[in-house]
Amino acid sequence: MRIQWHNIIALILLIVGSVLLVKCWPEITSVLANMKNIGPGHTADEKVLGLIALGLVGACLVAIVKISSRGSK
């Protein structure tokens, strides 16, 4: 039987992500709340923070789709 290292690494990342999600929930919600500040009527700093939050969410979604569509070898 071979050790499937990519499965072990994925499990470790899932555990670390879950712990960070629980411990840093207020910070995560405040970052995600900045996405509504992208439109007009907000300062340049608020728009930049909103775009950074949107970029992080987009990067996470792309990573999740790439990992889940990879399939087993």
PDB file of N, CA and C in Angstrom:
ATOM      1  N   MET A   1       0.851  -1.173   0.000  1.00  0.00           N
ATOM      2  CA  MET A   1       0.000   0.000   0.000  1.00  0.00           C
ATOM      3  C   MET A   1       0.898   1.238   0.000  1.00  0.00           C
ATOM      4  N   ARG A   2       0.550   2.210  -0.874  1.00  0.00           N
ATOM      5  CA  ARG A   2       1.327   3.442  -0.989  1.00  0.00           C
ATOM      6  C   ARG A   2       0.663   4.558  -0.214  1.00  0.00           C
ATOM      7  N   ILE A   3       1.486   5.426   0.314  1.00  0.00           N
ATOM      8  CA  ILE A   3       0.968   6.605   1.010  1.00  0.00           C
ATOM      9  C   ILE A   3       0.579   7.648  -0.032  1.00  0.00           C
ATOM     10  N   GLN A   4      -0.625   8.120   0.040  1.00  0.00           N
ATOM     11  CA  GLN A   4      -1.114   9.152  -0.874  1.00  0.00           C
ATOM     12  C   GLN A   4      -0.862  10.512  -0.227  1.00  0.00           C
ATOM     13  N   TRP A   5       0.306  11.093  -0.510  1.00  0.00           N
ATOM     14  CA  TRP A   5       0.717  12.319   0.150  1.00  0.00           C
ATOM     15  C   TRP A   5      -0.194  13.490  -0.167  1.00  0.00           C
ATOM     16  N   HIS A   6      -0.738  13.545  -1.377  1.00  0.00           N
ATOM     17  CA  HIS A   6      -1.612  14.670  -1.702  1.00  0.00           C
ATOM     18  C   HIS A   6      -2.901  14.625  -0.877  1.00  0.00           C
ATOM     19  N   ASN A   7      -3.349  13.419  -0.525  1.00  0.00           N
ATOM     20  CA  ASN A   7      -4.527  13.321   0.346  1.00  0.00           C
ATOM     21  C   ASN A   7      -4.211  13.760   1.767  1.00  0.00           C
ATOM     22  N   ILE A   8      -3.028  13.424   2.252  1.00  0.00           N
ATOM     23  CA  ILE A   8      -2.627  13.812   3.606  1.00  0.00           C
ATOM     24  C   ILE A   8      -2.452  15.328   3.688  1.00  0.00           C
ATOM     25  N   ILE A   9      -1.815  15.911   2.683  1.00  0.00           N
ATOM     26  CA  ILE A   9      -1.628  17.362   2.663  1.00  0.00           C
ATOM     27  C   ILE A   9      -2.970  18.078   2.569  1.00  0.00           C
ATOM     28  N   ALA A  10      -3.879  17.553   1.751  1.00  0.00           N
ATOM     29  CA  ALA A  10      -5.206  18.162   1.642  1.00  0.00           C
ATOM     30  C   ALA A  10      -5.949  18.097   2.978  1.00  0.00           C
ATOM     31  N   LEU A  11      -5.827  17.003   3.686  1.00  0.00           N
ATOM     32  CA  LEU A  11      -6.473  16.868   4.996  1.00  0.00           C
ATOM     33  C   LEU A  11      -5.884  17.850   6.001  1.00  0.00           C
ATOM     34  N   ILE A  12      -4.563  17.999   5.997  1.00  0.00           N
ATOM     35  CA  ILE A  12      -3.922  18.951   6.904  1.00  0.00           C
ATOM     36  C   ILE A  12      -4.368  20.370   6.592  1.00  0.00           C
ATOM     37  N   LEU A  13      -4.423  20.721   5.307  1.00  0.00           N
ATOM     38  CA  LEU A  13      -4.889  22.056   4.918  1.00  0.00           C
ATOM     39  C   LEU A  13      -6.344  22.283   5.310  1.00  0.00           C
ATOM     40  N   LEU A  14      -7.170  21.257   5.191  1.00  0.00           N
ATOM     41  CA  LEU A  14      -8.572  21.370   5.597  1.00  0.00           C
ATOM     42  C   LEU A  14      -8.691  21.610   7.095  1.00  0.00           C
ATOM     43  N   ILE A  15      -7.901  20.908   7.883  1.00  0.00           N
ATOM     44  CA  ILE A  15      -7.932  21.085   9.337  1.00  0.00           C
ATOM     45  C   ILE A  15      -7.446  22.482   9.720  1.00  0.00           C
ATOM     46  N   VAL A  16      -6.327  22.926   9.123  1.00  0.00           N
ATOM     47  CA  VAL A  16      -5.792  24.257   9.420  1.00  0.00           C
ATOM     48  C   VAL A  16      -6.782  25.339   8.999  1.00  0.00           C
ATOM     49  N   GLY A  17      -7.391  25.169   7.831  1.00  0.00           N
ATOM     50  CA  GLY A  17      -8.384  26.138   7.370  1.00  0.00           C
ATOM     51  C   GLY A  17      -9.596  26.200   8.281  1.00  0.00           C
ATOM     52  N   SER A  18     -10.047  25.051   8.768  1.00  0.00           N
ATOM     53  CA  SER A  18     -11.189  25.024   9.686  1.00  0.00           C
ATOM     54  C   SER A  18     -10.864  25.711  11.005  1.00  0.00           C
ATOM     55  N   VAL A  19      -9.671  25.465  11.529  1.00  0.00           N
ATOM     56  CA  VAL A  19      -9.263  26.105  12.783  1.00  0.00           C
ATOM     57  C   VAL A  19      -9.175  27.621  12.596  1.00  0.00           C
ATOM     58  N   LEU A  20      -8.573  28.054  11.489  1.00  0.00           N
ATOM     59  CA  LEU A  20      -8.486  29.490  11.233  1.00  0.00           C
ATOM     60  C   LEU A  20      -9.858  30.112  11.034  1.00  0.00           C
ATOM     61  N   LEU A  21     -10.759  29.389  10.391  1.00  0.00           N
ATOM     62  CA  LEU A  21     -12.113  29.900  10.195  1.00  0.00           C
ATOM     63  C   LEU A  21     -12.821  30.127  11.527  1.00  0.00           C
ATOM     64  N   VAL A  22     -12.641  29.213  12.454  1.00  0.00           N
ATOM     65  CA  VAL A  22     -13.282  29.337  13.764  1.00  0.00           C
ATOM     66  C   VAL A  22     -12.622  30.434  14.601  1.00  0.00           C
ATOM     67  N   LYS A  23     -11.285  30.459  14.611  1.00  0.00           N
ATOM     68  CA  LYS A  23     -10.582  31.424  15.464  1.00  0.00           C
ATOM     69  C   LYS A  23     -10.645  32.854  14.944  1.00  0.00           C
ATOM     70  N   CYS A  24     -10.678  33.021  13.642  1.00  0.00           N
ATOM     71  CA  CYS A  24     -10.601  34.363  13.045  1.00  0.00           C
ATOM     72  C   CYS A  24     -11.917  34.786  12.400  1.00  0.00           C
ATOM     73  N   TRP A  25     -13.036  34.283  12.872  1.00  0.00           N
ATOM     74  CA  TRP A  25     -14.328  34.594  12.264  1.00  0.00           C
ATOM     75  C   TRP A  25     -14.620  36.096  12.202  1.00  0.00           C
ATOM     76  N   PRO A  26     -14.410  36.889  13.267  1.00  0.00           N
ATOM     77  CA  PRO A  26     -14.702  38.333  13.169  1.00  0.00           C
ATOM     78  C   PRO A  26     -13.847  39.042  12.114  1.00  0.00           C
ATOM     79  N   GLU A  27     -12.590  38.662  12.016  1.00  0.00           N
ATOM     80  CA  GLU A  27     -11.723  39.285  11.017  1.00  0.00           C
ATOM     81  C   GLU A  27     -12.141  38.909   9.608  1.00  0.00           C
ATOM     82  N   ILE A  28     -12.532  37.668   9.414  1.00  0.00           N
ATOM     83  CA  ILE A  28     -12.957  37.220   8.095  1.00  0.00           C
ATOM     84  C   ILE A  28     -14.234  37.942   7.670  1.00  0.00           C
ATOM     85  N   THR A  29     -15.187  38.076   8.586  1.00  0.00           N
ATOM     86  CA  THR A  29     -16.427  38.762   8.227  1.00  0.00           C
ATOM     87  C   THR A  29     -16.184  40.240   7.951  1.00  0.00           C
ATOM     88  N   SER A  30     -15.260  40.865   8.654  1.00  0.00           N
ATOM     89  CA  SER A  30     -14.989  42.282   8.386  1.00  0.00           C
ATOM     90  C   SER A  30     -14.318  42.471   7.032  1.00  0.00           C
ATOM     91  N   VAL A  31     -13.448  41.541   6.651  1.00  0.00           N
ATOM     92  CA  VAL A  31     -12.823  41.623   5.326  1.00  0.00           C
ATOM     93  C   VAL A  31     -13.863  41.407   4.237  1.00  0.00           C
ATOM     94  N   LEU A  32     -14.729  40.424   4.417  1.00  0.00           N
ATOM     95  CA  LEU A  32     -15.757  40.158   3.410  1.00  0.00           C
ATOM     96  C   LEU A  32     -16.790  41.282   3.337  1.00  0.00           C
ATOM     97  N   ALA A  33     -17.008  41.975   4.443  1.00  0.00           N
ATOM     98  CA  ALA A  33     -17.947  43.101   4.439  1.00  0.00           C
ATOM     99  C   ALA A  33     -17.400  44.279   3.639  1.00  0.00           C
ATOM    100  N   ASN A  34     -16.090  44.335   3.426  1.00  0.00           N
ATOM    101  CA  ASN A  34     -15.487  45.404   2.636  1.00  0.00           C
ATOM    102  C   ASN A  34     -15.787  45.282   1.148  1.00  0.00           C
ATOM    103  N   MET A  35     -16.273  44.139   0.690  1.00  0.00           N
ATOM    104  CA  MET A  35     -16.554  43.973  -0.728  1.00  0.00           C
ATOM    105  C   MET A  35     -17.671  44.890  -1.207  1.00  0.00           C
ATOM    106  N   LYS A  36     -18.535  45.306  -0.318  1.00  0.00           N
ATOM    107  CA  LYS A  36     -19.619  46.201  -0.718  1.00  0.00           C
ATOM    108  C   LYS A  36     -19.131  47.624  -0.957  1.00  0.00           C
ATOM    109  N   ASN A  37     -17.894  47.918  -0.602  1.00  0.00           N
ATOM    110  CA  ASN A  37     -17.343  49.262  -0.738  1.00  0.00           C
ATOM    111  C   ASN A  37     -16.627  49.498  -2.062  1.00  0.00           C
ATOM    112  N   ILE A  38     -16.837  48.626  -3.037  1.00  0.00           N
ATOM    113  CA  ILE A  38     -16.137  48.765  -4.315  1.00  0.00           C
ATOM    114  C   ILE A  38     -16.756  49.881  -5.158  1.00  0.00           C
ATOM    115  N   GLY A  39     -18.039  50.066  -5.073  1.00  0.00           N
ATOM    116  CA  GLY A  39     -18.743  51.008  -5.941  1.00  0.00           C
ATOM    117  C   GLY A  39     -18.461  52.478  -5.651  1.00  0.00           C
ATOM    118  N   PRO A  40     -19.157  53.344  -6.374  1.00  0.00           N
ATOM    119  CA  PRO A  40     -18.945  54.786  -6.197  1.00  0.00           C
ATOM    120  C   PRO A  40     -19.433  55.263  -4.822  1.00  0.00           C
ATOM    121  N   GLY A  41     -18.894  56.386  -4.402  1.00  0.00           N
ATOM    122  CA  GLY A  41     -19.299  56.951  -3.120  1.00  0.00           C
ATOM    123  C   GLY A  41     -18.406  56.529  -1.970  1.00  0.00           C
ATOM    124  N   HIS A  42     -17.338  55.820  -2.266  1.00  0.00           N
ATOM    125  CA  HIS A  42     -16.421  55.375  -1.227  1.00  0.00           C
ATOM    126  C   HIS A  42     -15.030  55.917  -1.528  1.00  0.00           C
ATOM    127  N   THR A  43     -14.208  55.980  -0.507  1.00  0.00           N
ATOM    128  CA  THR A  43     -12.849  56.497  -0.698  1.00  0.00           C
ATOM    129  C   THR A  43     -12.004  55.478  -1.469  1.00  0.00           C
ATOM    130  N   ALA A  44     -10.863  55.937  -1.947  1.00  0.00           N
ATOM    131  CA  ALA A  44      -9.974  55.054  -2.712  1.00  0.00           C
ATOM    132  C   ALA A  44      -9.469  53.903  -1.839  1.00  0.00           C
ATOM    133  N   ASP A  45      -9.216  54.168  -0.569  1.00  0.00           N
ATOM    134  CA  ASP A  45      -8.751  53.104   0.331  1.00  0.00           C
ATOM    135  C   ASP A  45      -9.812  52.027   0.515  1.00  0.00           C
ATOM    136  N   GLU A  46     -11.067  52.431   0.670  1.00  0.00           N
ATOM    137  CA  GLU A  46     -12.148  51.466   0.830  1.00  0.00           C
ATOM    138  C   GLU A  46     -12.322  50.637  -0.440  1.00  0.00           C
ATOM    139  N   LYS A  47     -12.182  51.264  -1.590  1.00  0.00           N
ATOM    140  CA  LYS A  47     -12.307  50.534  -2.855  1.00  0.00           C
ATOM    141  C   LYS A  47     -11.189  49.510  -3.009  1.00  0.00           C
ATOM    142  N   VAL A  48      -9.977  49.893  -2.635  1.00  0.00           N
ATOM    143  CA  VAL A  48      -8.842  48.971  -2.741  1.00  0.00           C
ATOM    144  C   VAL A  48      -9.044  47.782  -1.809  1.00  0.00           C
ATOM    145  N   LEU A  49      -9.473  48.029  -0.587  1.00  0.00           N
ATOM    146  CA  LEU A  49      -9.717  46.923   0.342  1.00  0.00           C
ATOM    147  C   LEU A  49     -10.830  46.010  -0.170  1.00  0.00           C
ATOM    148  N   GLY A  50     -11.857  46.586  -0.764  1.00  0.00           N
ATOM    149  CA  GLY A  50     -12.929  45.782  -1.344  1.00  0.00           C
ATOM    150  C   GLY A  50     -12.441  44.927  -2.491  1.00  0.00           C
ATOM    151  N   LEU A  51     -11.587  45.490  -3.350  1.00  0.00           N
ATOM    152  CA  LEU A  51     -11.043  44.709  -4.457  1.00  0.00           C
ATOM    153  C   LEU A  51     -10.095  43.615  -3.979  1.00  0.00           C
ATOM    154  N   ILE A  52      -9.339  43.890  -2.937  1.00  0.00           N
ATOM    155  CA  ILE A  52      -8.459  42.855  -2.370  1.00  0.00           C
ATOM    156  C   ILE A  52      -9.302  41.707  -1.813  1.00  0.00           C
ATOM    157  N   ALA A  53     -10.377  42.033  -1.102  1.00  0.00           N
ATOM    158  CA  ALA A  53     -11.255  40.994  -0.558  1.00  0.00           C
ATOM    159  C   ALA A  53     -11.888  40.184  -1.680  1.00  0.00           C
ATOM    160  N   LEU A  54     -12.326  40.858  -2.736  1.00  0.00           N
ATOM    161  CA  LEU A  54     -12.919  40.163  -3.878  1.00  0.00           C
ATOM    162  C   LEU A  54     -11.884  39.264  -4.559  1.00  0.00           C
ATOM    163  N   GLY A  55     -10.656  39.735  -4.680  1.00  0.00           N
ATOM    164  CA  GLY A  55      -9.594  38.922  -5.267  1.00  0.00           C
ATOM    165  C   GLY A  55      -9.280  37.688  -4.449  1.00  0.00           C
ATOM    166  N   LEU A  56      -9.258  37.836  -3.120  1.00  0.00           N
ATOM    167  CA  LEU A  56      -8.999  36.679  -2.254  1.00  0.00           C
ATOM    168  C   LEU A  56     -10.109  35.640  -2.365  1.00  0.00           C
ATOM    169  N   VAL A  57     -11.352  36.104  -2.407  1.00  0.00           N
ATOM    170  CA  VAL A  57     -12.470  35.169  -2.553  1.00  0.00           C
ATOM    171  C   VAL A  57     -12.396  34.474  -3.911  1.00  0.00           C
ATOM    172  N   GLY A  58     -12.086  35.222  -4.954  1.00  0.00           N
ATOM    173  CA  GLY A  58     -11.965  34.624  -6.280  1.00  0.00           C
ATOM    174  C   GLY A  58     -10.834  33.616  -6.358  1.00  0.00           C
ATOM    175  N   ALA A  59      -9.696  33.921  -5.759  1.00  0.00           N
ATOM    176  CA  ALA A  59      -8.564  32.994  -5.760  1.00  0.00           C
ATOM    177  C   ALA A  59      -8.904  31.714  -4.997  1.00  0.00           C
ATOM    178  N   CYS A  60      -9.617  31.849  -3.894  1.00  0.00           N
ATOM    179  CA  CYS A  60     -10.024  30.660  -3.130  1.00  0.00           C
ATOM    180  C   CYS A  60     -10.990  29.796  -3.933  1.00  0.00           C
ATOM    181  N   LEU A  61     -11.925  30.423  -4.628  1.00  0.00           N
ATOM    182  CA  LEU A  61     -12.864  29.662  -5.449  1.00  0.00           C
ATOM    183  C   LEU A  61     -12.152  28.934  -6.583  1.00  0.00           C
ATOM    184  N   VAL A  62     -11.209  29.595  -7.238  1.00  0.00           N
ATOM    185  CA  VAL A  62     -10.449  28.949  -8.313  1.00  0.00           C
ATOM    186  C   VAL A  62      -9.649  27.776  -7.764  1.00  0.00           C
ATOM    187  N   ALA A  63      -9.028  27.946  -6.599  1.00  0.00           N
ATOM    188  CA  ALA A  63      -8.254  26.858  -5.994  1.00  0.00           C
ATOM    189  C   ALA A  63      -9.147  25.674  -5.634  1.00  0.00           C
ATOM    190  N   ILE A  64     -10.316  25.941  -5.091  1.00  0.00           N
ATOM    191  CA  ILE A  64     -11.232  24.861  -4.719  1.00  0.00           C
ATOM    192  C   ILE A  64     -11.690  24.095  -5.952  1.00  0.00           C
ATOM    193  N   VAL A  65     -12.041  24.814  -7.017  1.00  0.00           N
ATOM    194  CA  VAL A  65     -12.481  24.147  -8.246  1.00  0.00           C
ATOM    195  C   VAL A  65     -11.340  23.349  -8.852  1.00  0.00           C
ATOM    196  N   LYS A  66     -10.148  23.894  -8.854  1.00  0.00           N
ATOM    197  CA  LYS A  66      -8.994  23.185  -9.430  1.00  0.00           C
ATOM    198  C   LYS A  66      -8.681  21.919  -8.642  1.00  0.00           C
ATOM    199  N   ILE A  67      -8.721  22.004  -7.320  1.00  0.00           N
ATOM    200  CA  ILE A  67      -8.427  20.832  -6.502  1.00  0.00           C
ATOM    201  C   ILE A  67      -9.523  19.779  -6.656  1.00  0.00           C
ATOM    202  N   SER A  68     -10.781  20.187  -6.661  1.00  0.00           N
ATOM    203  CA  SER A  68     -11.870  19.218  -6.727  1.00  0.00           C
ATOM    204  C   SER A  68     -12.026  18.609  -8.117  1.00  0.00           C
ATOM    205  N   SER A  69     -11.616  19.305  -9.162  1.00  0.00           N
ATOM    206  CA  SER A  69     -11.758  18.760 -10.512  1.00  0.00           C
ATOM    207  C   SER A  69     -10.534  17.955 -10.944  1.00  0.00           C
ATOM    208  N   ARG A  70      -9.533  17.894 -10.115  1.00  0.00           N
ATOM    209  CA  ARG A  70      -8.294  17.208 -10.462  1.00  0.00           C
ATOM    210  C   ARG A  70      -8.474  15.710 -10.623  1.00  0.00           C
ATOM    211  N   GLY A  71      -9.258  15.100  -9.768  1.00  0.00           N
ATOM    212  CA  GLY A  71      -9.500  13.665  -9.856  1.00  0.00           C
ATOM    213  C   GLY A  71      -8.312  12.860  -9.374  1.00  0.00           C
ATOM    214  N   SER A  72      -8.499  11.566  -9.265  1.00  0.00           N
ATOM    215  CA  SER A  72      -7.420  10.704  -8.788  1.00  0.00           C
ATOM    216  C   SER A  72      -6.607  10.187  -9.969  1.00  0.00           C
ATOM    217  N   LYS A  73      -5.340   9.937  -9.700  1.00  0.00           N
ATOM    218  CA  LYS A  73      -4.433   9.469 -10.767  1.00  0.00           C
ATOM    219  C   LYS A  73      -4.242   7.976 -10.684  1.00  0.00           C
TER     220      LYS A  73
END
